[in-house]
C-alpha atoms as a PDB file:
ATOM      1  CA  UNK A   1     -21.152  -8.710  -6.850  1.00  0.00           C
ATOM      2  CA  UNK A   2     -18.054  -8.883  -8.219  1.00  0.00           C
ATOM      3  CA  UNK A   3     -17.167  -6.378 -10.419  1.00  0.00           C
ATOM      4  CA  UNK A   4     -16.400  -5.358 -14.112  1.00  0.00           C
ATOM      5  CA  UNK A   5     -12.184  -5.358 -13.919  1.00  0.00           C
ATOM      6  CA  UNK A   6     -12.957  -8.747 -13.115  1.00  0.00           C
ATOM      7  CA  UNK A   7     -14.411 -10.399 -15.676  1.00  0.00           C
ATOM      8  CA  UNK A   8     -12.540  -8.058 -18.345  1.00  0.00           C
ATOM      9  CA  UNK A   9      -9.709  -9.853 -16.289  1.00  0.00           C
ATOM     10  CA  UNK A  10     -11.027 -13.270 -17.409  1.00  0.00           C
ATOM     11  CA  UNK A  11     -11.405 -12.253 -20.562  1.00  0.00           C
ATOM     12  CA  UNK A  12      -8.150 -11.319 -21.344  1.00  0.00           C
ATOM     13  CA  UNK A  13      -6.631 -14.709 -20.061  1.00  0.00           C
ATOM     14  CA  UNK A  14      -8.936 -16.472 -21.385  1.00  0.00           C
ATOM     15  CA  UNK A  15      -6.645 -15.306 -24.750  1.00  0.00           C
ATOM     16  CA  UNK A  16      -3.309 -15.239 -23.479  1.00  0.00           C
ATOM     17  CA  UNK A  17      -2.440 -18.398 -22.721  1.00  0.00           C
ATOM     18  CA  UNK A  18      -2.421 -19.306 -26.239  1.00  0.00           C
ATOM     19  CA  UNK A  19       0.243 -17.097 -27.460  1.00  0.00           C
ATOM     20  CA  UNK A  20       1.607 -16.550 -23.988  1.00  0.00           C
ATOM     21  CA  UNK A  21       4.765 -18.447 -25.223  1.00  0.00           C
ATOM     22  CA  UNK A  22       5.564 -16.525 -28.145  1.00  0.00           C
ATOM     23  CA  UNK A  23       4.547 -13.540 -26.174  1.00  0.00           C
ATOM     24  CA  UNK A  24       7.147 -13.462 -23.689  1.00  0.00           C
ATOM     25  CA  UNK A  25      10.125 -15.105 -26.506  1.00  0.00           C
ATOM     26  CA  UNK A  26      10.376 -18.756 -25.221  1.00  0.00           C
ATOM     27  CA  UNK A  27      11.378 -21.210 -28.208  1.00  0.00           C
ATOM     28  CA  UNK A  28       9.074 -24.068 -27.324  1.00  0.00           C
ATOM     29  CA  UNK A  29      12.846 -26.164 -28.999  1.00  0.00           C
ATOM     30  CA  UNK A  30      14.557 -25.074 -26.327  1.00  0.00           C
ATOM     31  CA  UNK A  31      12.308 -26.689 -23.410  1.00  0.00           C
ATOM     32  CA  UNK A  32      13.624 -30.110 -22.891  1.00  0.00           C
ATOM     33  CA  UNK A  33      11.713 -32.883 -21.171  1.00  0.00           C
ATOM     34  CA  UNK A  34      12.442 -31.627 -17.581  1.00  0.00           C
ATOM     35  CA  UNK A  35      10.191 -28.481 -17.762  1.00  0.00           C
ATOM     36  CA  UNK A  36       7.559 -28.479 -16.013  1.00  0.00           C
ATOM     37  CA  UNK A  37       5.516 -25.796 -14.501  1.00  0.00           C
ATOM     38  CA  UNK A  38       6.633 -27.024 -11.116  1.00  0.00           C
ATOM     39  CA  UNK A  39      10.510 -26.879 -11.573  1.00  0.00           C
ATOM     40  CA  UNK A  40       9.439 -23.232 -13.168  1.00  0.00           C
ATOM     41  CA  UNK A  41       7.749 -22.135  -9.450  1.00  0.00           C
ATOM     42  CA  UNK A  42      10.010 -23.692  -7.358  1.00  0.00           C
ATOM     43  CA  UNK A  43      12.974 -22.174  -9.199  1.00  0.00           C
ATOM     44  CA  UNK A  44      11.236 -18.995  -9.454  1.00  0.00           C
ATOM     45  CA  UNK A  45      10.569 -18.906  -5.397  1.00  0.00           C
ATOM     46  CA  UNK A  46      14.130 -19.453  -4.833  1.00  0.00           C
ATOM     47  CA  UNK A  47      14.818 -16.278  -6.577  1.00  0.00           C
ATOM     48  CA  UNK A  48      12.075 -14.601  -5.069  1.00  0.00           C
ATOM     49  CA  UNK A  49      13.005 -15.643  -1.898  1.00  0.00           C
ATOM     50  CA  UNK A  50      16.990 -14.599  -2.435  1.00  0.00           C
ATOM     51  CA  UNK A  51      15.287 -10.888  -4.016  1.00  0.00           C
ATOM     52  CA  UNK A  52      16.459 -11.852  -7.941  1.00  0.00           C
ATOM     53  CA  UNK A  53      13.222 -10.290  -9.145  1.00  0.00           C
ATOM     54  CA  UNK A  54      14.103  -9.960 -12.674  1.00  0.00           C
ATOM     55  CA  UNK A  55      14.949 -13.783 -12.750  1.00  0.00           C
ATOM     56  CA  UNK A  56      12.048 -14.951 -10.951  1.00  0.00           C
ATOM     57  CA  UNK A  57       9.997 -13.134 -13.313  1.00  0.00           C
ATOM     58  CA  UNK A  58      11.825 -14.752 -16.244  1.00  0.00           C
ATOM     59  CA  UNK A  59      11.245 -18.409 -14.554  1.00  0.00           C
ATOM     60  CA  UNK A  60       7.481 -17.726 -13.390  1.00  0.00           C
ATOM     61  CA  UNK A  61       7.085 -16.513 -17.355  1.00  0.00           C
ATOM     62  CA  UNK A  62       8.436 -19.614 -18.514  1.00  0.00           C
ATOM     63  CA  UNK A  63       6.551 -22.296 -15.858  1.00  0.00           C
ATOM     64  CA  UNK A  64       3.210 -20.125 -17.062  1.00  0.00           C
ATOM     65  CA  UNK A  65       4.117 -21.012 -20.685  1.00  0.00           C
ATOM     66  CA  UNK A  66       3.976 -24.918 -19.724  1.00  0.00           C
ATOM     67  CA  UNK A  67       0.358 -24.592 -17.989  1.00  0.00           C
ATOM     68  CA  UNK A  68      -1.263 -27.320 -19.578  1.00  0.00           C
ATOM     69  CA  UNK A  69      -5.087 -29.053 -19.109  1.00  0.00           C
ATOM     70  CA  UNK A  70      -3.121 -31.303 -16.687  1.00  0.00           C
ATOM     71  CA  UNK A  71      -1.507 -28.818 -14.461  1.00  0.00           C
ATOM     72  CA  UNK A  72      -2.333 -28.695 -10.938  1.00  0.00           C
ATOM     73  CA  UNK A  73      -4.322 -26.030 -10.464  1.00  0.00           C
ATOM     74  CA  UNK A  74      -2.488 -24.695  -7.251  1.00  0.00           C
ATOM     75  CA  UNK A  75       1.007 -24.181  -9.357  1.00  0.00           C
ATOM     76  CA  UNK A  76      -1.157 -22.845 -12.460  1.00  0.00           C
ATOM     77  CA  UNK A  77      -2.445 -20.256  -9.136  1.00  0.00           C
ATOM     78  CA  UNK A  78       0.686 -19.705  -7.377  1.00  0.00           C
ATOM     79  CA  UNK A  79       2.578 -19.034 -10.933  1.00  0.00           C
ATOM     80  CA  UNK A  80       0.661 -15.751 -11.487  1.00  0.00           C
ATOM     81  CA  UNK A  81       0.442 -14.724  -8.094  1.00  0.00           C
ATOM     82  CA  UNK A  82       3.842 -15.062  -7.634  1.00  0.00           C
ATOM     83  CA  UNK A  83       4.736 -13.538 -11.246  1.00  0.00           C
ATOM     84  CA  UNK A  84       2.598 -10.373 -10.061  1.00  0.00           C
ATOM     85  CA  UNK A  85       5.165 -10.461  -6.062  1.00  0.00           C
ATOM     86  CA  UNK A  86       8.199 -10.260  -7.852  1.00  0.00           C
ATOM     87  CA  UNK A  87       6.955  -7.686 -11.011  1.00  0.00           C
ATOM     88  CA  UNK A  88       5.464  -5.478  -8.596  1.00  0.00           C
ATOM     89  CA  UNK A  89       9.216  -5.249  -5.974  1.00  0.00           C
ATOM     90  CA  UNK A  90      10.088  -4.247  -9.781  1.00  0.00           C
ATOM     91  CA  UNK A  91       8.437  -1.417  -9.338  1.00  0.00           C
ATOM     92  CA  UNK A  92       6.135  -2.847 -12.787  1.00  0.00           C
ATOM     93  CA  UNK A  93       2.839  -2.331 -10.842  1.00  0.00           C
ATOM     94  CA  UNK A  94       0.889  -2.734 -14.147  1.00  0.00           C
ATOM     95  CA  UNK A  95       2.125  -6.112 -15.101  1.00  0.00           C
ATOM     96  CA  UNK A  96       1.367  -7.282 -11.328  1.00  0.00           C
ATOM     97  CA  UNK A  97      -1.798  -6.084 -12.128  1.00  0.00           C
ATOM     98  CA  UNK A  98      -2.201  -8.177 -15.616  1.00  0.00           C
ATOM     99  CA  UNK A  99      -0.969 -11.067 -13.108  1.00  0.00           C
ATOM    100  CA  UNK A 100      -3.303 -10.934  -9.926  1.00  0.00           C
ATOM    101  CA  UNK A 101      -6.642 -11.034 -12.538  1.00  0.00           C
ATOM    102  CA  UNK A 102      -5.045 -13.725 -14.279  1.00  0.00           C
ATOM    103  CA  UNK A 103      -4.756 -15.396 -11.552  1.00  0.00           C
ATOM    104  CA  UNK A 104      -8.558 -14.582 -10.293  1.00  0.00           C
ATOM    105  CA  UNK A 105      -9.514 -15.463 -13.874  1.00  0.00           C
ATOM    106  CA  UNK A 106      -8.542 -18.821 -13.176  1.00  0.00           C
ATOM    107  CA  UNK A 107      -9.995 -19.681 -10.454  1.00  0.00           C
ATOM    108  CA  UNK A 108     -13.260 -18.471 -11.875  1.00  0.00           C
ATOM    109  CA  UNK A 109     -12.169 -20.462 -15.134  1.00  0.00           C
ATOM    110  CA  UNK A 110     -11.719 -23.970 -13.353  1.00  0.00           C
ATOM    111  CA  UNK A 111     -14.883 -23.430 -10.097  1.00  0.00           C
ATOM    112  CA  UNK A 112     -17.099 -23.568 -13.640  1.00  0.00           C
ATOM    113  CA  UNK A 113     -15.533 -26.789 -14.152  1.00  0.00           C
ATOM    114  CA  UNK A 114     -14.522 -28.877 -10.901  1.00  0.00           C
ATOM    115  CA  UNK A 115     -15.137 -27.770  -7.199  1.00  0.00           C
ATOM    116  CA  UNK A 116     -11.900 -25.894  -5.637  1.00  0.00           C
ATOM    117  CA  UNK A 117     -10.528 -26.060  -2.905  1.00  0.00           C
ATOM    118  CA  UNK A 118     -10.097 -24.212   0.076  1.00  0.00           C
ATOM    119  CA  UNK A 119      -6.532 -23.713  -0.281  1.00  0.00           C
ATOM    120  CA  UNK A 120      -7.197 -22.740  -4.380  1.00  0.00           C
ATOM    121  CA  UNK A 121      -9.515 -20.348  -2.834  1.00  0.00           C
ATOM    122  CA  UNK A 122      -7.224 -19.017  -0.537  1.00  0.00           C
ATOM    123  CA  UNK A 123      -4.531 -18.457  -3.150  1.00  0.00           C
ATOM    124  CA  UNK A 124      -7.272 -16.360  -5.557  1.00  0.00           C
ATOM    125  CA  UNK A 125      -7.667 -14.526  -2.351  1.00  0.00           C
ATOM    126  CA  UNK A 126      -4.294 -13.343  -1.729  1.00  0.00           C
ATOM    127  CA  UNK A 127      -4.078 -12.896  -5.582  1.00  0.00           C
ATOM    128  CA  UNK A 128      -7.040 -10.122  -4.762  1.00  0.00           C
ATOM    129  CA  UNK A 129      -5.593  -8.948  -1.492  1.00  0.00           C
ATOM    130  CA  UNK A 130      -2.600  -8.564  -2.957  1.00  0.00           C
ATOM    131  CA  UNK A 131      -4.236  -6.723  -6.504  1.00  0.00           C
ATOM    132  CA  UNK A 132      -5.958  -4.247  -4.120  1.00  0.00           C
ATOM    133  CA  UNK A 133      -3.242  -3.136  -2.208  1.00  0.00           C
ATOM    134  CA  UNK A 134      -1.139  -2.480  -6.143  1.00  0.00           C
ATOM    135  CA  UNK A 135      -4.323  -0.104  -7.004  1.00  0.00           C
ATOM    136  CA  UNK A 136      -3.731   1.399  -3.593  1.00  0.00           C
ATOM    137  CA  UNK A 137       0.412   2.480  -4.738  1.00  0.00           C
ATOM    138  CA  UNK A 138      -0.744   3.390  -8.022  1.00  0.00           C
ATOM    139  CA  UNK A 139      -1.804   6.607  -8.958  1.00  0.00           C
ATOM    140  CA  UNK A 140      -4.957   7.858 -10.955  1.00  0.00           C
ATOM    141  CA  UNK A 141      -6.499   5.013  -9.830  1.00  0.00           C
ATOM    142  CA  UNK A 142     -10.112   4.604  -8.655  1.00  0.00           C
ATOM    143  CA  UNK A 143     -10.630   3.691  -5.460  1.00  0.00           C
ATOM    144  CA  UNK A 144     -13.429   1.895  -5.966  1.00  0.00           C
ATOM    145  CA  UNK A 145     -11.191  -0.858  -7.686  1.00  0.00           C
ATOM    146  CA  UNK A 146      -9.079  -1.328  -4.321  1.00  0.00           C
ATOM    147  CA  UNK A 147     -12.636  -1.282  -2.578  1.00  0.00           C
ATOM    148  CA  UNK A 148     -13.473  -4.076  -4.815  1.00  0.00           C
ATOM    149  CA  UNK A 149     -10.093  -6.171  -4.704  1.00  0.00           C
ATOM    150  CA  UNK A 150     -10.544  -6.421  -1.040  1.00  0.00           C
ATOM    151  CA  UNK A 151     -13.976  -7.315  -0.867  1.00  0.00           C
ATOM    152  CA  UNK A 152     -13.289 -10.206  -3.281  1.00  0.00           C
ATOM    153  CA  UNK A 153     -10.342 -11.575  -0.971  1.00  0.00           C
ATOM    154  CA  UNK A 154     -12.507 -11.374   2.007  1.00  0.00           C
ATOM    155  CA  UNK A 155     -15.411 -12.754   0.390  1.00  0.00           C
ATOM    156  CA  UNK A 156     -13.325 -15.562  -0.890  1.00  0.00           C
ATOM    157  CA  UNK A 157     -11.612 -16.032   2.174  1.00  0.00           C
ATOM    158  CA  UNK A 158     -13.613 -15.541   5.042  1.00  0.00           C
ATOM    159  CA  UNK A 159     -11.118 -15.153   7.634  1.00  0.00           C
ATOM    160  CA  UNK A 160      -8.727 -12.238   5.596  1.00  0.00           C
ATOM    161  CA  UNK A 161      -8.812  -9.749   8.482  1.00  0.00           C
ATOM    162  CA  UNK A 162      -6.078  -7.943   6.832  1.00  0.00           C
ATOM    163  CA  UNK A 163      -8.482  -7.702   3.530  1.00  0.00           C
ATOM    164  CA  UNK A 164     -11.268  -6.399   5.910  1.00  0.00           C
ATOM    165  CA  UNK A 165      -9.365  -3.608   7.163  1.00  0.00           C
ATOM    166  CA  UNK A 166      -7.551  -1.904   4.510  1.00  0.00           C
ATOM    167  CA  UNK A 167     -11.163  -2.543   2.941  1.00  0.00           C
ATOM    168  CA  UNK A 168     -12.225  -0.722   6.053  1.00  0.00           C
ATOM    169  CA  UNK A 169      -9.742   2.390   5.288  1.00  0.00           C
ATOM    170  CA  UNK A 170     -10.598   2.949   1.613  1.00  0.00           C
ATOM    171  CA  UNK A 171     -13.800   2.805   2.723  1.00  0.00           C
ATOM    172  CA  UNK A 172     -12.907   5.678   5.498  1.00  0.00           C
ATOM    173  CA  UNK A 173      -9.629   7.684   3.731  1.00  0.00           C
ATOM    174  CA  UNK A 174     -10.623   8.060  -0.013  1.00  0.00           C
ATOM    175  CA  UNK A 175     -14.486   6.754  -0.543  1.00  0.00           C
ATOM    176  CA  UNK A 176     -15.111   8.161   2.924  1.00  0.00           C
ATOM    177  CA  UNK A 177     -18.633   5.847   3.442  1.00  0.00           C
ATOM    178  CA  UNK A 178     -18.107   5.542   7.270  1.00  0.00           C
ATOM    179  CA  UNK A 179     -20.173   3.189   7.803  1.00  0.00           C
ATOM    180  CA  UNK A 180     -19.229   0.603   5.282  1.00  0.00           C
ATOM    181  CA  UNK A 181     -16.056   1.635   6.752  1.00  0.00           C
ATOM    182  CA  UNK A 182     -17.554   0.865  10.732  1.00  0.00           C
ATOM    183  CA  UNK A 183     -19.350  -3.018   9.371  1.00  0.00           C
ATOM    184  CA  UNK A 184     -15.592  -3.742   7.480  1.00  0.00           C
ATOM    185  CA  UNK A 185     -13.038  -2.710  10.642  1.00  0.00           C
ATOM    186  CA  UNK A 186     -15.615  -4.690  13.028  1.00  0.00           C
ATOM    187  CA  UNK A 187     -15.396  -7.624  11.326  1.00  0.00           C
ATOM    188  CA  UNK A 188     -11.500  -7.322  10.875  1.00  0.00           C
ATOM    189  CA  UNK A 189     -12.256  -6.812  14.544  1.00  0.00           C
ATOM    190  CA  UNK A 190     -13.947 -10.179  15.461  1.00  0.00           C
ATOM    191  CA  UNK A 191     -11.838 -12.138  12.768  1.00  0.00           C
ATOM    192  CA  UNK A 192      -9.037 -11.656  15.475  1.00  0.00           C
ATOM    193  CA  UNK A 193     -10.971 -12.151  18.595  1.00  0.00           C
ATOM    194  CA  UNK A 194     -13.555 -14.955  18.200  1.00  0.00           C
ATOM    195  CA  UNK A 195     -12.904 -18.699  17.783  1.00  0.00           C
ATOM    196  CA  UNK A 196     -15.863 -20.343  14.922  1.00  0.00           C
ATOM    197  CA  UNK A 197     -17.021 -23.540  16.152  1.00  0.00           C
ATOM    198  CA  UNK A 198     -14.812 -24.763  13.450  1.00  0.00           C
ATOM    199  CA  UNK A 199     -11.438 -23.692  14.885  1.00  0.00           C
ATOM    200  CA  UNK A 200     -10.141 -21.875  12.018  1.00  0.00           C
ATOM    201  CA  UNK A 201      -7.438 -19.901  13.068  1.00  0.00           C
ATOM    202  CA  UNK A 202      -7.057 -16.142  10.733  1.00  0.00           C
ATOM    203  CA  UNK A 203      -5.142 -15.854   7.653  1.00  0.00           C
ATOM    204  CA  UNK A 204      -1.874 -14.389   8.859  1.00  0.00           C
ATOM    205  CA  UNK A 205      -2.525 -13.241  12.005  1.00  0.00           C
ATOM    206  CA  UNK A 206      -0.107 -10.686  13.369  1.00  0.00           C
ATOM    207  CA  UNK A 207       2.148 -11.467  15.896  1.00  0.00           C
ATOM    208  CA  UNK A 208       1.196  -8.785  18.069  1.00  0.00           C
ATOM    209  CA  UNK A 209      -2.392  -8.233  17.706  1.00  0.00           C
ATOM    210  CA  UNK A 210      -2.966  -5.839  20.512  1.00  0.00           C
ATOM    211  CA  UNK A 211      -1.587  -2.949  18.590  1.00  0.00           C
ATOM    212  CA  UNK A 212      -3.523  -3.538  15.664  1.00  0.00           C
ATOM    213  CA  UNK A 213      -6.604  -4.373  17.399  1.00  0.00           C
ATOM    214  CA  UNK A 214      -6.682  -0.548  18.946  1.00  0.00           C
ATOM    215  CA  UNK A 215      -5.762   0.779  15.658  1.00  0.00           C
ATOM    216  CA  UNK A 216      -9.411  -1.136  14.509  1.00  0.00           C
ATOM    217  CA  UNK A 217     -11.269   0.298  17.011  1.00  0.00           C
ATOM    218  CA  UNK A 218      -9.313   3.480  17.283  1.00  0.00           C
ATOM    219  CA  UNK A 219     -10.849   3.526  13.366  1.00  0.00           C
ATOM    220  CA  UNK A 220     -13.939   2.658  14.386  1.00  0.00           C
ATOM    221  CA  UNK A 221     -14.101   5.547  16.618  1.00  0.00           C
ATOM    222  CA  UNK A 222     -13.413   7.867  13.868  1.00  0.00           C
ATOM    223  CA  UNK A 223     -15.640   6.562  11.227  1.00  0.00           C
ATOM    224  CA  UNK A 224     -18.681   6.717  14.059  1.00  0.00           C
ATOM    225  CA  UNK A 225     -17.839   9.995  14.973  1.00  0.00           C
ATOM    226  CA  UNK A 226     -17.585  11.468  11.097  1.00  0.00           C
ATOM    227  CA  UNK A 227     -20.877  10.885  10.450  1.00  0.00           C
ATOM    228  CA  UNK A 228     -23.130  11.707  14.013  1.00  0.00           C
ATOM    229  CA  UNK A 229     -26.127  11.144  12.079  1.00  0.00           C
ATOM    230  CA  UNK A 230     -26.290   7.822  11.630  1.00  0.00           C
ATOM    231  CA  UNK A 231     -27.753   5.288  14.340  1.00  0.00           C
ATOM    232  CA  UNK A 232     -25.689   3.686  16.180  1.00  0.00           C
ATOM    233  CA  UNK A 233     -26.495   0.849  18.572  1.00  0.00           C
ATOM    234  CA  UNK A 234     -23.757  -1.785  20.516  1.00  0.00           C
ATOM    235  CA  UNK A 235     -22.883  -5.157  19.659  1.00  0.00           C
ATOM    236  CA  UNK A 236     -24.633  -6.817  22.325  1.00  0.00           C
ATOM    237  CA  UNK A 237     -28.419  -5.071  21.520  1.00  0.00           C
ATOM    238  CA  UNK A 238     -28.279  -3.730  18.077  1.00  0.00           C
ATOM    239  CA  UNK A 239     -32.002  -2.888  18.344  1.00  0.00           C
ATOM    240  CA  UNK A 240     -31.437  -0.390  20.704  1.00  0.00           C
ATOM    241  CA  UNK A 241     -30.278   3.063  20.061  1.00  0.00           C
ATOM    242  CA  UNK A 242     -28.153   4.572  21.752  1.00  0.00           C
ATOM    243  CA  UNK A 243     -26.186   8.008  21.027  1.00  0.00           C
ATOM    244  CA  UNK A 244     -23.118   7.947  18.571  1.00  0.00           C
ATOM    245  CA  UNK A 245     -21.046   9.588  20.913  1.00  0.00           C
ATOM    246  CA  UNK A 246     -21.525   7.203  22.799  1.00  0.00           C
ATOM    247  CA  UNK A 247     -20.293   3.573  20.974  1.00  0.00           C
ATOM    248  CA  UNK A 248     -16.981   5.857  19.349  1.00  0.00           C
ATOM    249  CA  UNK A 249     -16.083   6.584  23.456  1.00  0.00           C
ATOM    250  CA  UNK A 250     -16.587   2.838  23.912  1.00  0.00           C
ATOM    251  CA  UNK A 251     -14.145   2.546  20.593  1.00  0.00           C
ATOM    252  CA  UNK A 252     -11.644   4.361  21.622  1.00  0.00           C
ATOM    253  CA  UNK A 253     -11.476   3.545  24.991  1.00  0.00           C
ATOM    254  CA  UNK A 254     -11.138  -0.201  23.649  1.00  0.00           C
ATOM    255  CA  UNK A 255      -8.430   1.514  21.399  1.00  0.00           C
ATOM    256  CA  UNK A 256      -6.497   2.708  24.461  1.00  0.00           C
ATOM    257  CA  UNK A 257      -7.384  -0.344  26.756  1.00  0.00           C
ATOM    258  CA  UNK A 258      -5.648  -2.296  23.883  1.00  0.00           C
ATOM    259  CA  UNK A 259      -2.360  -0.230  23.334  1.00  0.00           C
ATOM    260  CA  UNK A 260      -2.019   2.454  26.100  1.00  0.00           C
ATOM    261  CA  UNK A 261       0.441   4.780  23.911  1.00  0.00           C
ATOM    262  CA  UNK A 262      -1.734   5.367  21.049  1.00  0.00           C
ATOM    263  CA  UNK A 263      -2.312   8.992  21.691  1.00  0.00           C
ATOM    264  CA  UNK A 264      -4.773   9.632  18.887  1.00  0.00           C
ATOM    265  CA  UNK A 265      -7.165   7.146  20.630  1.00  0.00           C
ATOM    266  CA  UNK A 266      -6.310   8.849  24.663  1.00  0.00           C
ATOM    267  CA  UNK A 267      -6.773  12.112  22.342  1.00  0.00           C
ATOM    268  CA  UNK A 268     -10.152  11.527  20.308  1.00  0.00           C
ATOM    269  CA  UNK A 269     -11.927  10.162  24.047  1.00  0.00           C
ATOM    270  CA  UNK A 270     -10.847  12.551  26.211  1.00  0.00           C
ATOM    271  CA  UNK A 271     -12.126  14.741  23.448  1.00  0.00           C
ATOM    272  CA  UNK A 272     -15.601  13.159  22.992  1.00  0.00           C
ATOM    273  CA  UNK A 273     -15.440  12.484  27.054  1.00  0.00           C
ATOM    274  CA  UNK A 274     -14.621  16.181  28.457  1.00  0.00           C
ATOM    275  CA  UNK A 275     -11.895  14.240  30.901  1.00  0.00           C
ATOM    276  CA  UNK A 276     -10.333  16.218  32.889  1.00  0.00           C
ATOM    277  CA  UNK A 277      -7.655  13.418  33.513  1.00  0.00           C
ATOM    278  CA  UNK A 278      -7.344  13.046  29.791  1.00  0.00           C
ATOM    279  CA  UNK A 279      -7.847  17.307  28.410  1.00  0.00           C
ATOM    280  CA  UNK A 280      -4.156  17.606  27.298  1.00  0.00           C
ATOM    281  CA  UNK A 281      -3.519  16.183  23.608  1.00  0.00           C
ATOM    282  CA  UNK A 282      -0.023  14.704  24.172  1.00  0.00           C
ATOM    283  CA  UNK A 283       2.938  16.023  22.284  1.00  0.00           C
ATOM    284  CA  UNK A 284       3.451  13.165  20.645  1.00  0.00           C
ATOM    285  CA  UNK A 285       0.093  12.652  18.911  1.00  0.00           C
ATOM    286  CA  UNK A 286       0.461  17.043  18.110  1.00  0.00           C
ATOM    287  CA  UNK A 287       3.941  15.638  16.304  1.00  0.00           C
ATOM    288  CA  UNK A 288       2.315  13.088  14.366  1.00  0.00           C
ATOM    289  CA  UNK A 289      -0.736  14.942  13.524  1.00  0.00           C
ATOM    290  CA  UNK A 290       0.931  17.910  11.934  1.00  0.00           C
ATOM    291  CA  UNK A 291       3.236  15.579   9.976  1.00  0.00           C
ATOM    292  CA  UNK A 292       0.751  13.410   8.659  1.00  0.00           C
ATOM    293  CA  UNK A 293      -1.251  16.897   7.091  1.00  0.00           C
ATOM    294  CA  UNK A 294       2.094  18.204   6.329  1.00  0.00           C
ATOM    295  CA  UNK A 295       2.068  16.778   2.581  1.00  0.00           C
ATOM    296  CA  UNK A 296      -1.637  17.833   2.360  1.00  0.00           C
ATOM    297  CA  UNK A 297      -1.921  21.395   4.095  1.00  0.00           C
ATOM    298  CA  UNK A 298      -1.435  23.075   0.741  1.00  0.00           C
ATOM    299  CA  UNK A 299      -4.250  20.405  -1.445  1.00  0.00           C
ATOM    300  CA  UNK A 300      -6.420  21.004   1.375  1.00  0.00           C
ATOM    301  CA  UNK A 301      -6.199  25.062   1.857  1.00  0.00           C
ATOM    302  CA  UNK A 302      -6.167  25.738  -1.396  1.00  0.00           C
ATOM    303  CA  UNK A 303      -7.964  23.212  -3.345  1.00  0.00           C
ATOM    304  CA  UNK A 304     -10.618  21.778  -0.607  1.00  0.00           C
ATOM    305  CA  UNK A 305     -11.310  24.973   1.915  1.00  0.00           C
ATOM    306  CA  UNK A 306     -10.774  27.690  -1.440  1.00  0.00           C
ATOM    307  CA  UNK A 307      -8.442  29.770   0.069  1.00  0.00           C
ATOM    308  CA  UNK A 308      -6.786  32.102  -2.703  1.00  0.00           C
ATOM    309  CA  UNK A 309      -5.454  35.053  -0.283  1.00  0.00           C
ATOM    310  CA  UNK A 310      -1.558  34.553  -2.103  1.00  0.00           C
ATOM    311  CA  UNK A 311      -2.735  34.059  -5.561  1.00  0.00           C
ATOM    312  CA  UNK A 312      -4.819  37.593  -5.476  1.00  0.00           C
ATOM    313  CA  UNK A 313      -1.772  39.416  -3.035  1.00  0.00           C
ATOM    314  CA  UNK A 314       0.226  37.890  -6.067  1.00  0.00           C
ATOM    315  CA  UNK A 315      -2.220  39.573  -8.510  1.00  0.00           C
ATOM    316  CA  UNK A 316      -1.773  43.012  -6.565  1.00  0.00           C
ATOM    317  CA  UNK A 317       1.543  42.896  -7.532  1.00  0.00           C
ATOM    318  CA  UNK A 318       1.933  42.340 -10.721  1.00  0.00           C
ATOM    319  CA  UNK A 319      -0.777  44.873 -11.961  1.00  0.00           C
ATOM    320  CA  UNK A 320       0.943  47.345  -9.894  1.00  0.00           C
ATOM    321  CA  UNK A 321       3.930  47.282 -11.105  1.00  0.00           C
ATOM    322  CA  UNK A 322       2.639  46.222 -15.073  1.00  0.00           C
ATOM    323  CA  UNK A 323       3.120  42.960 -15.523  1.00  0.00           C
ATOM    324  CA  UNK A 324       4.861  39.687 -12.603  1.00  0.00           C
ATOM    325  CA  UNK A 325       7.967  40.388 -15.085  1.00  0.00           C
ATOM    326  CA  UNK A 326       8.462  43.665 -13.908  1.00  0.00           C
ATOM    327  CA  UNK A 327       7.996  43.001  -9.630  1.00  0.00           C
ATOM    328  CA  UNK A 328      10.911  43.815  -7.670  1.00  0.00           C
ATOM    329  CA  UNK A 329      12.754  41.124  -5.543  1.00  0.00           C
ATOM    330  CA  UNK A 330      12.389  42.889  -2.051  1.00  0.00           C
ATOM    331  CA  UNK A 331      14.913  42.283   0.328  1.00  0.00           C
ATOM    332  CA  UNK A 332      13.215  42.761   3.688  1.00  0.00           C
ATOM    333  CA  UNK A 333       9.388  42.149   4.369  1.00  0.00           C
END
């Protein structure tokens, strides 16, 4: 089901094209016979490749202002998606969101009038994927928005493994829907390891898939391990219920198989299986664990665990000395 914010984006887009030239300050008298969306898409792409993001934004916006009913759908979609990429590169996440939503809305609008091609759907899928990534980078954005965007990308492009992997990450890390995360990670893993009957390739496959496959299996194991009360089964016999620890152990084992340097997977495998040969966590794993946890330590300690020892201690000093301004600075503690 398409989420509400995509519907709102479609409504905004249906009105924005009528006023886009005036809004972006383009004077139609300045346009010449050579002006066309294709020309400004090409010029914008050249600027984007050259890291001239300000110039790319200008060219893409000019190209969008020239879109008409006769403009090729791929050109129109690409202008909006590439504009979003240029704006994102400039740090304008809000503007990028508007551009990506406009591309998705344009795809939806065209699909109600005519059959869209696979390539056109894939461009819309990329818009949804980039939208999800942008939402993840923005503060105060509900994680469900990123999840919805990734889910839309996967629905438009069934081979978009990275959309499914990122969806799993949001479900696991932010929403804490662990069964949903397992499903998404598993779907991404299947795309990278299985060849469908039509022979289609994964969308933008990683150059070296083994570390990616290792991380997917590692996260599958984590998600299973974090919800041990669920019913678990292996893919080859989904009707037979088995221990979730056994399924998680298999996932961690596969993670190590695909990447022997995955210290976190080795540690989790040893924890679950009590394998004496893997019992001690490596120094790399421990260092990485503490480095990742350091930035969230205070939040976890105070907000999640409710620890207020420092606050109570400070309050005691304030009362003993008659106020915070009177507390002396101790040279030795």
